C-alpha atoms as a PDB file:
ATOM      1  CA  UNK A   1     127.389 109.559  55.194  1.00  0.00           C
ATOM      2  CA  UNK A   2     128.639 106.610  53.552  1.00  0.00           C
ATOM      3  CA  UNK A   3     126.215 106.280  50.888  1.00  0.00           C
ATOM      4  CA  UNK A   4     127.158 109.898  50.259  1.00  0.00           C
ATOM      5  CA  UNK A   5     130.360 109.134  50.603  1.00  0.00           C
ATOM      6  CA  UNK A   6     130.101 106.571  47.603  1.00  0.00           C
ATOM      7  CA  UNK A   7     127.525 108.579  45.422  1.00  0.00           C
ATOM      8  CA  UNK A   8     130.470 111.329  44.791  1.00  0.00           C
ATOM      9  CA  UNK A   9     133.222 109.164  44.031  1.00  0.00           C
ATOM     10  CA  UNK A  10     130.586 106.599  42.411  1.00  0.00           C
ATOM     11  CA  UNK A  11     129.324 109.862  40.260  1.00  0.00           C
ATOM     12  CA  UNK A  12     133.087 111.543  39.701  1.00  0.00           C
ATOM     13  CA  UNK A  13     134.556 108.268  38.661  1.00  0.00           C
ATOM     14  CA  UNK A  14     131.450 107.796  36.386  1.00  0.00           C
ATOM     15  CA  UNK A  15     132.436 110.829  33.666  1.00  0.00           C
ATOM     16  CA  UNK A  16     135.265 107.965  31.052  1.00  0.00           C
ATOM     17  CA  UNK A  17     134.476 110.112  28.308  1.00  0.00           C
ATOM     18  CA  UNK A  18     136.644 110.875  25.599  1.00  0.00           C
ATOM     19  CA  UNK A  19     139.264 113.921  26.438  1.00  0.00           C
ATOM     20  CA  UNK A  20     137.895 115.920  23.720  1.00  0.00           C
ATOM     21  CA  UNK A  21     134.138 115.018  25.562  1.00  0.00           C
ATOM     22  CA  UNK A  22     135.899 115.551  28.853  1.00  0.00           C
ATOM     23  CA  UNK A  23     136.570 119.716  28.260  1.00  0.00           C
ATOM     24  CA  UNK A  24     133.960 120.117  25.657  1.00  0.00           C
ATOM     25  CA  UNK A  25     131.779 119.628  29.264  1.00  0.00           C
ATOM     26  CA  UNK A  26     134.135 120.710  31.852  1.00  0.00           C
ATOM     27  CA  UNK A  27     132.622 123.766  32.924  1.00  0.00           C
ATOM     28  CA  UNK A  28     129.062 121.904  33.027  1.00  0.00           C
ATOM     29  CA  UNK A  29     130.333 119.147  34.648  1.00  0.00           C
ATOM     30  CA  UNK A  30     132.436 121.422  37.178  1.00  0.00           C
ATOM     31  CA  UNK A  31     129.754 123.276  38.570  1.00  0.00           C
ATOM     32  CA  UNK A  32     127.724 120.252  39.355  1.00  0.00           C
ATOM     33  CA  UNK A  33     130.077 118.289  40.847  1.00  0.00           C
ATOM     34  CA  UNK A  34     131.023 121.366  42.926  1.00  0.00           C
ATOM     35  CA  UNK A  35     127.246 121.616  43.883  1.00  0.00           C
ATOM     36  CA  UNK A  36     126.810 117.542  44.550  1.00  0.00           C
ATOM     37  CA  UNK A  37     130.354 118.377  46.775  1.00  0.00           C
ATOM     38  CA  UNK A  38     128.470 121.225  48.526  1.00  0.00           C
ATOM     39  CA  UNK A  39     125.244 119.124  48.837  1.00  0.00           C
ATOM     40  CA  UNK A  40     127.409 116.330  50.030  1.00  0.00           C
ATOM     41  CA  UNK A  41     129.344 118.373  52.727  1.00  0.00           C
ATOM     42  CA  UNK A  42     125.884 119.635  54.081  1.00  0.00           C
ATOM     43  CA  UNK A  43     124.499 116.701  54.466  1.00  0.00           C
ATOM     44  CA  UNK A  44     128.166 114.980  56.301  1.00  0.00           C
ATOM     45  CA  UNK A  45     128.032 118.007  58.495  1.00  0.00           C
ATOM     46  CA  UNK A  46     124.140 116.974  59.085  1.00  0.00           C
ATOM     47  CA  UNK A  47     125.403 113.630  59.669  1.00  0.00           C
ATOM     48  CA  UNK A  48     128.057 114.752  61.989  1.00  0.00           C
ATOM     49  CA  UNK A  49     125.780 116.966  64.343  1.00  0.00           C
ATOM     50  CA  UNK A  50     123.499 114.084  64.231  1.00  0.00           C
ATOM     51  CA  UNK A  51     126.706 111.597  65.420  1.00  0.00           C
ATOM     52  CA  UNK A  52     127.369 113.963  68.498  1.00  0.00           C
ATOM     53  CA  UNK A  53     123.660 114.511  69.541  1.00  0.00           C
ATOM     54  CA  UNK A  54     123.602 110.150  70.168  1.00  0.00           C
ATOM     55  CA  UNK A  55     125.538 110.807  73.051  1.00  0.00           C
ATOM     56  CA  UNK A  56     123.790 113.159  74.585  1.00  0.00           C
ATOM     57  CA  UNK A  57     120.156 111.280  74.184  1.00  0.00           C
ATOM     58  CA  UNK A  58     122.002 107.912  75.728  1.00  0.00           C
ATOM     59  CA  UNK A  59     123.096 110.255  78.726  1.00  0.00           C
ATOM     60  CA  UNK A  60     119.910 111.815  79.410  1.00  0.00           C
ATOM     61  CA  UNK A  61     118.259 107.639  78.974  1.00  0.00           C
ATOM     62  CA  UNK A  62     120.919 106.389  81.016  1.00  0.00           C
ATOM     63  CA  UNK A  63     119.417 109.746  83.886  1.00  0.00           C
ATOM     64  CA  UNK A  64     115.882 108.343  83.559  1.00  0.00           C
ATOM     65  CA  UNK A  65     116.571 104.906  84.250  1.00  0.00           C
ATOM     66  CA  UNK A  66     118.655 106.337  87.319  1.00  0.00           C
ATOM     67  CA  UNK A  67     115.720 108.479  88.362  1.00  0.00           C
ATOM     68  CA  UNK A  68     113.636 105.029  88.205  1.00  0.00           C
ATOM     69  CA  UNK A  69     111.866 105.003  91.667  1.00  0.00           C
ATOM     70  CA  UNK A  70     111.874 101.714  93.507  1.00  0.00           C
ATOM     71  CA  UNK A  71     109.159 101.129  95.458  1.00  0.00           C
ATOM     72  CA  UNK A  72     108.597  98.167  97.818  1.00  0.00           C
ATOM     73  CA  UNK A  73     105.773  95.985  98.147  1.00  0.00           C
ATOM     74  CA  UNK A  74     104.119  93.011 100.908  1.00  0.00           C
ATOM     75  CA  UNK A  75     103.719  89.482  99.243  1.00  0.00           C
ATOM     76  CA  UNK A  76     103.280  86.211 101.489  1.00  0.00           C
ATOM     77  CA  UNK A  77     102.802  82.645 100.548  1.00  0.00           C
ATOM     78  CA  UNK A  78      99.776  81.120 102.514  1.00  0.00           C
ATOM     79  CA  UNK A  79      99.435  78.324 105.044  1.00  0.00           C
ATOM     80  CA  UNK A  80      98.588  76.393 101.199  1.00  0.00           C
ATOM     81  CA  UNK A  81     100.767  77.393  98.958  1.00  0.00           C
ATOM     82  CA  UNK A  82     103.261  76.763 101.102  1.00  0.00           C
ATOM     83  CA  UNK A  83     102.238  73.023 102.026  1.00  0.00           C
ATOM     84  CA  UNK A  84     102.442  72.408  98.277  1.00  0.00           C
ATOM     85  CA  UNK A  85     105.677  73.084  97.888  1.00  0.00           C
ATOM     86  CA  UNK A  86     104.932  76.460  95.397  1.00  0.00           C
ATOM     87  CA  UNK A  87     107.636  78.675  97.496  1.00  0.00           C
ATOM     88  CA  UNK A  88     109.866  77.874  94.764  1.00  0.00           C
ATOM     89  CA  UNK A  89     107.799  78.508  91.902  1.00  0.00           C
ATOM     90  CA  UNK A  90     106.368  81.827  93.175  1.00  0.00           C
ATOM     91  CA  UNK A  91     109.706  82.527  93.997  1.00  0.00           C
ATOM     92  CA  UNK A  92     111.066  82.335  90.720  1.00  0.00           C
ATOM     93  CA  UNK A  93     108.332  84.438  89.303  1.00  0.00           C
ATOM     94  CA  UNK A  94     109.328  87.391  90.478  1.00  0.00           C
ATOM     95  CA  UNK A  95     112.783  87.331  89.831  1.00  0.00           C
ATOM     96  CA  UNK A  96     111.806  85.966  86.596  1.00  0.00           C
ATOM     97  CA  UNK A  97     110.322  89.470  86.682  1.00  0.00           C
ATOM     98  CA  UNK A  98     113.295  91.499  87.310  1.00  0.00           C
ATOM     99  CA  UNK A  99     112.201  92.135  91.074  1.00  0.00           C
ATOM    100  CA  UNK A 100     114.960  92.006  94.578  1.00  0.00           C
ATOM    101  CA  UNK A 101     113.851  89.730  97.228  1.00  0.00           C
ATOM    102  CA  UNK A 102     115.152  92.603 100.751  1.00  0.00           C
ATOM    103  CA  UNK A 103     113.013  90.634 103.083  1.00  0.00           C
ATOM    104  CA  UNK A 104     111.932  86.800 103.923  1.00  0.00           C
ATOM    105  CA  UNK A 105     111.379  85.046 107.067  1.00  0.00           C
ATOM    106  CA  UNK A 106     108.570  82.025 107.735  1.00  0.00           C
ATOM    107  CA  UNK A 107     106.227  82.753 110.557  1.00  0.00           C
ATOM    108  CA  UNK A 108     102.985  81.181 111.693  1.00  0.00           C
ATOM    109  CA  UNK A 109     101.064  83.540 113.082  1.00  0.00           C
ATOM    110  CA  UNK A 110      98.728  83.963 115.802  1.00  0.00           C
ATOM    111  CA  UNK A 111      94.898  84.720 115.155  1.00  0.00           C
ATOM    112  CA  UNK A 112      95.565  87.671 116.597  1.00  0.00           C
ATOM    113  CA  UNK A 113      98.178  88.801 114.509  1.00  0.00           C
ATOM    114  CA  UNK A 114      95.852  87.606 111.573  1.00  0.00           C
ATOM    115  CA  UNK A 115      93.115  89.639 112.650  1.00  0.00           C
ATOM    116  CA  UNK A 116      95.972  92.522 112.355  1.00  0.00           C
ATOM    117  CA  UNK A 117      96.616  91.943 109.210  1.00  0.00           C
ATOM    118  CA  UNK A 118      92.933  92.001 107.755  1.00  0.00           C
ATOM    119  CA  UNK A 119      91.268  95.007 109.970  1.00  0.00           C
ATOM    120  CA  UNK A 120      89.580  96.196 106.923  1.00  0.00           C
ATOM    121  CA  UNK A 121      88.003  92.749 106.073  1.00  0.00           C
ATOM    122  CA  UNK A 122      86.821  92.784 109.609  1.00  0.00           C
ATOM    123  CA  UNK A 123      82.882  93.768 108.740  1.00  0.00           C
ATOM    124  CA  UNK A 124      82.848  90.653 106.219  1.00  0.00           C
ATOM    125  CA  UNK A 125      80.952  87.802 106.719  1.00  0.00           C
ATOM    126  CA  UNK A 126      84.192  85.202 105.599  1.00  0.00           C
ATOM    127  CA  UNK A 127      86.321  87.367 108.341  1.00  0.00           C
ATOM    128  CA  UNK A 128      86.874  85.004 110.958  1.00  0.00           C
ATOM    129  CA  UNK A 129      87.388  81.714 108.593  1.00  0.00           C
ATOM    130  CA  UNK A 130      89.979  84.415 106.972  1.00  0.00           C
ATOM    131  CA  UNK A 131      91.522  84.572 109.948  1.00  0.00           C
ATOM    132  CA  UNK A 132      91.533  81.214 111.051  1.00  0.00           C
ATOM    133  CA  UNK A 133      93.073  79.894 107.613  1.00  0.00           C
ATOM    134  CA  UNK A 134      95.959  82.373 107.987  1.00  0.00           C
ATOM    135  CA  UNK A 135      96.706  81.655 111.173  1.00  0.00           C
ATOM    136  CA  UNK A 136      96.565  77.659 110.730  1.00  0.00           C
ATOM    137  CA  UNK A 137     100.062  77.154 109.146  1.00  0.00           C
ATOM    138  CA  UNK A 138     103.417  78.861 108.364  1.00  0.00           C
ATOM    139  CA  UNK A 139     103.153  81.650 105.826  1.00  0.00           C
ATOM    140  CA  UNK A 140     106.178  82.610 103.765  1.00  0.00           C
ATOM    141  CA  UNK A 141     106.557  86.560 104.399  1.00  0.00           C
ATOM    142  CA  UNK A 142     108.478  88.424 102.100  1.00  0.00           C
ATOM    143  CA  UNK A 143     109.254  92.226 101.128  1.00  0.00           C
ATOM    144  CA  UNK A 144     110.114  92.514  97.096  1.00  0.00           C
ATOM    145  CA  UNK A 145     111.397  95.748  95.546  1.00  0.00           C
ATOM    146  CA  UNK A 146     111.264  97.185  92.311  1.00  0.00           C
ATOM    147  CA  UNK A 147     110.228  99.764  90.079  1.00  0.00           C
ATOM    148  CA  UNK A 148     106.569  99.807  89.492  1.00  0.00           C
ATOM    149  CA  UNK A 149     106.756  96.403  92.044  1.00  0.00           C
ATOM    150  CA  UNK A 150     103.094  96.969  93.653  1.00  0.00           C
ATOM    151  CA  UNK A 151     100.798  97.068  90.561  1.00  0.00           C
ATOM    152  CA  UNK A 152     102.748  94.733  88.861  1.00  0.00           C
ATOM    153  CA  UNK A 153     103.411  92.389  91.528  1.00  0.00           C
ATOM    154  CA  UNK A 154      99.538  92.398  91.433  1.00  0.00           C
ATOM    155  CA  UNK A 155      99.591  91.648  87.664  1.00  0.00           C
ATOM    156  CA  UNK A 156     101.919  88.763  88.319  1.00  0.00           C
ATOM    157  CA  UNK A 157     100.059  87.198  91.134  1.00  0.00           C
ATOM    158  CA  UNK A 158      96.309  87.344  89.322  1.00  0.00           C
ATOM    159  CA  UNK A 159      93.214  87.937  90.392  1.00  0.00           C
ATOM    160  CA  UNK A 160      91.687  87.006  94.304  1.00  0.00           C
ATOM    161  CA  UNK A 161      89.673  83.953  92.721  1.00  0.00           C
ATOM    162  CA  UNK A 162      92.036  82.163  91.033  1.00  0.00           C
ATOM    163  CA  UNK A 163      88.468  81.093  88.262  1.00  0.00           C
ATOM    164  CA  UNK A 164      88.671  84.861  87.212  1.00  0.00           C
ATOM    165  CA  UNK A 165      93.074  85.030  86.885  1.00  0.00           C
ATOM    166  CA  UNK A 166      94.825  85.118  83.416  1.00  0.00           C
ATOM    167  CA  UNK A 167      96.564  81.680  82.332  1.00  0.00           C
ATOM    168  CA  UNK A 168     100.061  82.487  83.161  1.00  0.00           C
ATOM    169  CA  UNK A 169      99.921  84.411  86.825  1.00  0.00           C
ATOM    170  CA  UNK A 170     100.166  82.481  89.771  1.00  0.00           C
ATOM    171  CA  UNK A 171      96.642  82.017  91.011  1.00  0.00           C
ATOM    172  CA  UNK A 172      95.544  81.138  87.375  1.00  0.00           C
ATOM    173  CA  UNK A 173      98.347  78.896  86.739  1.00  0.00           C
ATOM    174  CA  UNK A 174      98.076  77.369  90.547  1.00  0.00           C
ATOM    175  CA  UNK A 175      95.136  77.861  92.657  1.00  0.00           C
ATOM    176  CA  UNK A 176      91.472  76.679  91.580  1.00  0.00           C
ATOM    177  CA  UNK A 177      89.172  78.058  95.161  1.00  0.00           C
ATOM    178  CA  UNK A 178      89.174  81.540  95.707  1.00  0.00           C
ATOM    179  CA  UNK A 179      88.782  79.974  99.267  1.00  0.00           C
ATOM    180  CA  UNK A 180      92.997  78.692  98.653  1.00  0.00           C
ATOM    181  CA  UNK A 181      94.363  80.992  96.559  1.00  0.00           C
ATOM    182  CA  UNK A 182      97.974  80.697  97.881  1.00  0.00           C
ATOM    183  CA  UNK A 183      99.128  83.997  97.228  1.00  0.00           C
ATOM    184  CA  UNK A 184      98.817  87.982  99.231  1.00  0.00           C
ATOM    185  CA  UNK A 185      99.875  90.918  97.905  1.00  0.00           C
ATOM    186  CA  UNK A 186      99.937  94.617  98.955  1.00  0.00           C
ATOM    187  CA  UNK A 187      97.252  96.493  96.783  1.00  0.00           C
ATOM    188  CA  UNK A 188      98.375  99.904  97.033  1.00  0.00           C
ATOM    189  CA  UNK A 189     101.161 102.113  98.448  1.00  0.00           C
ATOM    190  CA  UNK A 190      99.661 102.922 101.705  1.00  0.00           C
ATOM    191  CA  UNK A 191      98.770  99.025 102.545  1.00  0.00           C
ATOM    192  CA  UNK A 192     102.220  98.197 101.126  1.00  0.00           C
ATOM    193  CA  UNK A 193     104.378 100.508 104.263  1.00  0.00           C
ATOM    194  CA  UNK A 194     101.578  99.230 106.590  1.00  0.00           C
ATOM    195  CA  UNK A 195     101.591  95.791 105.663  1.00  0.00           C
ATOM    196  CA  UNK A 196     105.495  95.609 106.092  1.00  0.00           C
ATOM    197  CA  UNK A 197     105.476  97.271 109.003  1.00  0.00           C
ATOM    198  CA  UNK A 198     103.532  95.299 110.282  1.00  0.00           C
ATOM    199  CA  UNK A 199     105.001  92.084 109.518  1.00  0.00           C
ATOM    200  CA  UNK A 200     108.680  93.750 109.385  1.00  0.00           C
ATOM    201  CA  UNK A 201     111.062  95.688 111.838  1.00  0.00           C
ATOM    202  CA  UNK A 202     113.185  97.612 110.156  1.00  0.00           C
ATOM    203  CA  UNK A 203     116.220  95.993 110.999  1.00  0.00           C
ATOM    204  CA  UNK A 204     115.224  93.280 109.293  1.00  0.00           C
ATOM    205  CA  UNK A 205     114.493  94.841 105.668  1.00  0.00           C
ATOM    206  CA  UNK A 206     117.787  94.358 103.925  1.00  0.00           C
ATOM    207  CA  UNK A 207     119.369  96.898 101.295  1.00  0.00           C
ATOM    208  CA  UNK A 208     121.696  96.093  98.802  1.00  0.00           C
ATOM    209  CA  UNK A 209     122.880  96.476  94.935  1.00  0.00           C
ATOM    210  CA  UNK A 210     121.568  93.274  92.667  1.00  0.00           C
ATOM    211  CA  UNK A 211     124.168  92.369  90.202  1.00  0.00           C
ATOM    212  CA  UNK A 212     121.343  92.217  88.188  1.00  0.00           C
ATOM    213  CA  UNK A 213     120.065  95.449  88.599  1.00  0.00           C
ATOM    214  CA  UNK A 214     122.188  96.858  85.634  1.00  0.00           C
ATOM    215  CA  UNK A 215     120.715  94.434  83.234  1.00  0.00           C
ATOM    216  CA  UNK A 216     117.005  94.613  84.216  1.00  0.00           C
ATOM    217  CA  UNK A 217     117.744  98.584  84.609  1.00  0.00           C
ATOM    218  CA  UNK A 218     119.844 100.136  82.194  1.00  0.00           C
ATOM    219  CA  UNK A 219     122.313 101.514  85.156  1.00  0.00           C
ATOM    220  CA  UNK A 220     125.868 101.076  84.392  1.00  0.00           C
END
């Protein structure tokens, strides 16, 4: 819009001819001016129309962000991660991503409890060793909330085998062998629900609004 206005004013002001020449071409100049003015008015109306549509687009985007569905996932720092002093490092990875911590506790699970946690691996030859390890020391159990937290929480963690984990992931940066891969994360929505219910009572999950949410999701 400013360019159209400047162009019109510049064109009018640029007719610096003598008086006679000006009057001789007055009819043509007047016609050209009116055509240009009509074009400018149409462009101006188009700009105004576009500007009026902008708040609606912003409003629709605002609604889409508000409608974003938040989900929860279970994350546990295993005994090796706790003993190595990696709690703060791992929590900071999830916080920096923009996820919200809604439950946390430090526990030493029994072997029976570990067997419940790994029940889907009960037929594997390493099952007993896995349960022995999980129950060998303190485990930091957590529930994190956010949009896409189940899928992208797994991406933050990295592959089960640290040797196959990309640099920048938790296991890729902090673990070396698969038997000491420091962290567990739910691998799907159903697993997340089951694991959260296994490790936490409903009253241990905290519902609150974080001050960072409007900066993460754009909710104003």
